[in-house]
Amino acid sequence: MSKVKTAFFCSNCGYESTKWIGKCPSCNQWNSFVEEVITKDNKLSETDWKKYSTDKKEIKTISINEVISSEEKRISTTDNELNRVLGGGIVPGSIVLVAGEPGIGKSTLFLQNGLLLKNVITLYISGEESEQQIKMRADRLKISNDNFYLLTETNTQTIFQEIKKLRPQLIIVDSIQTLQSPYIESSPGSVSQIRECAAELQRFAKETNTPVFLIGHITKEGSIAGPKILEHMVDTVLQFEGDQHYAYRILRTIKNRFGSTAELGIYEMTEKGMRAVLNPSEILITQKEDQLSGVAIAATIEGMRPLLIEVQALVTQSVYGTPQRTVSGFDLRRLQLLLAVLEKRGGFHFGMKDVFVNIAGGLKVEDPSIDLAMVCALLSSYEDIPVPQHICFAGEVGLSGEIRAVNRIEQRIAEAEKLGFEKIIVSKYNQKSLGSQKFNITVATVGRVDEVYRQLF
């Protein structure tokens, strides 16, 4: 019998210590250490799946010039949004972590994509649901696939034995928090179990060149549950986000070793599963007949994709002594900065006004080019004069009230033109990058906030 060994792990970052510590030296969190039993069998035999690998890799030190560079052949899925977010498709041997709120649609999305890959042998490992539950969801999706296999198991060694028999070309694990390695005595979902199970799957993915998708949970703060090391071990981290009260979901790349981290995919939750939204700009702009004050359209860029989104602002007289500042989908500190600029540079007294701001469609926007539209929406609500519906905006507002240039202005203008806008207001400092390009939309340039106010109101 091996001696029972315990260690203390930081539940936030996974730092290991032999004794309990009040403050984690790695992430500086207080009271985050928990004791876990770890009895590792040191006499581990050669794992079964090592024999499953076809090409044996010879380990030796070589010069970087001797390495033959070849383009990675990717598995292209039928979902263009997922392909874009992954950087062009699924890379063989990659390990991808997908995290999101409970009930957001993670399992539905990957069950749907696994079923649609008709020519790829896919193994769906579930530690949370029974075969009947997964079959019910598959029936709802109305997709059949003879190459799609289910395994409801949590023990990693049993999973690897089944993998050896089936030899799948793609593995989906739902979820990593439910898996349990027999070499670790602690319960599933603990720091040491998540780390060990992820390490076993990572070694398997790299040695057999099989792509693995890990579906993960998130904490109440919104970060990925488990140790931070889990995000470092995987090749790609995808965040599946959105409000359950909205039909739209956003798949965002947080880390990607095989592509850009600035990509995002937009889905709509329907009765038949997740539907990729090909033109999100039309959805994010409310179709309304009456012109209303406090609404402006911003031409933003999310990843490589231009989006036109609706910015809504409401400015009212403050009833209480301290005026309220409430935001949804926008940075509160950024709003306070813009209000200070309008007060100082434009002479608008927001000091005794309540300000409420919303980004339509449940989006969270970090692109600074939304500043100009936000300022126009605030001024429109302040004066109670609607902004003309055929105008959109793209510009960053500086502290001295100047309108700063934004990147990739041609794509923003082209998107506005495609959606039928007649005029776009941009920074005058963007004129150099525009050059002599001809657009069928009027491109108006401004240099300061007061110029925008004079043009519109």
Foldseek 3Di string as FASTA:
>chain_A
DFDWAKWKAQQAAGDIGRDDDQADPPPRDGPRIDMFIFAFDPPDDDAPLLVVADDDDDDDDDDPVPDDDDDFDADAWPDPQVCVQQAHHHGFLAEEEEEEAPPLAPLLVVLVRLLRCQPFQEEEEEQPDDPVVSVVSVVLLVGHHPSYHYHHDQEVSVVSVVCSVNVGQEYEYHALQRHAYPRTDGHRNGQVRSVVSLVVVSVSRNRRRHYYYHYFYPDPVGHTGYHPVSVVSGQWYWYWDFDPVFQKIKIATCHHNNHDRQGIWMWGQDSNTTDTDPACQVVQDDDDDDFWALKAWAFFDGRNATHIHIKGKAKAFAPDPFAAEEEALEDSVVVVLLVLLCCVVVVDPSRRIHMYIYTGRRHRDDTQQCSLRNNRSHVRNSVRNGFDPLEHEGFHADNNFWTHADPPVVNSLVSSVVVPRQEYEHAPVCDVVCDPDDDNHHYHHDTGSVVVVVVGD
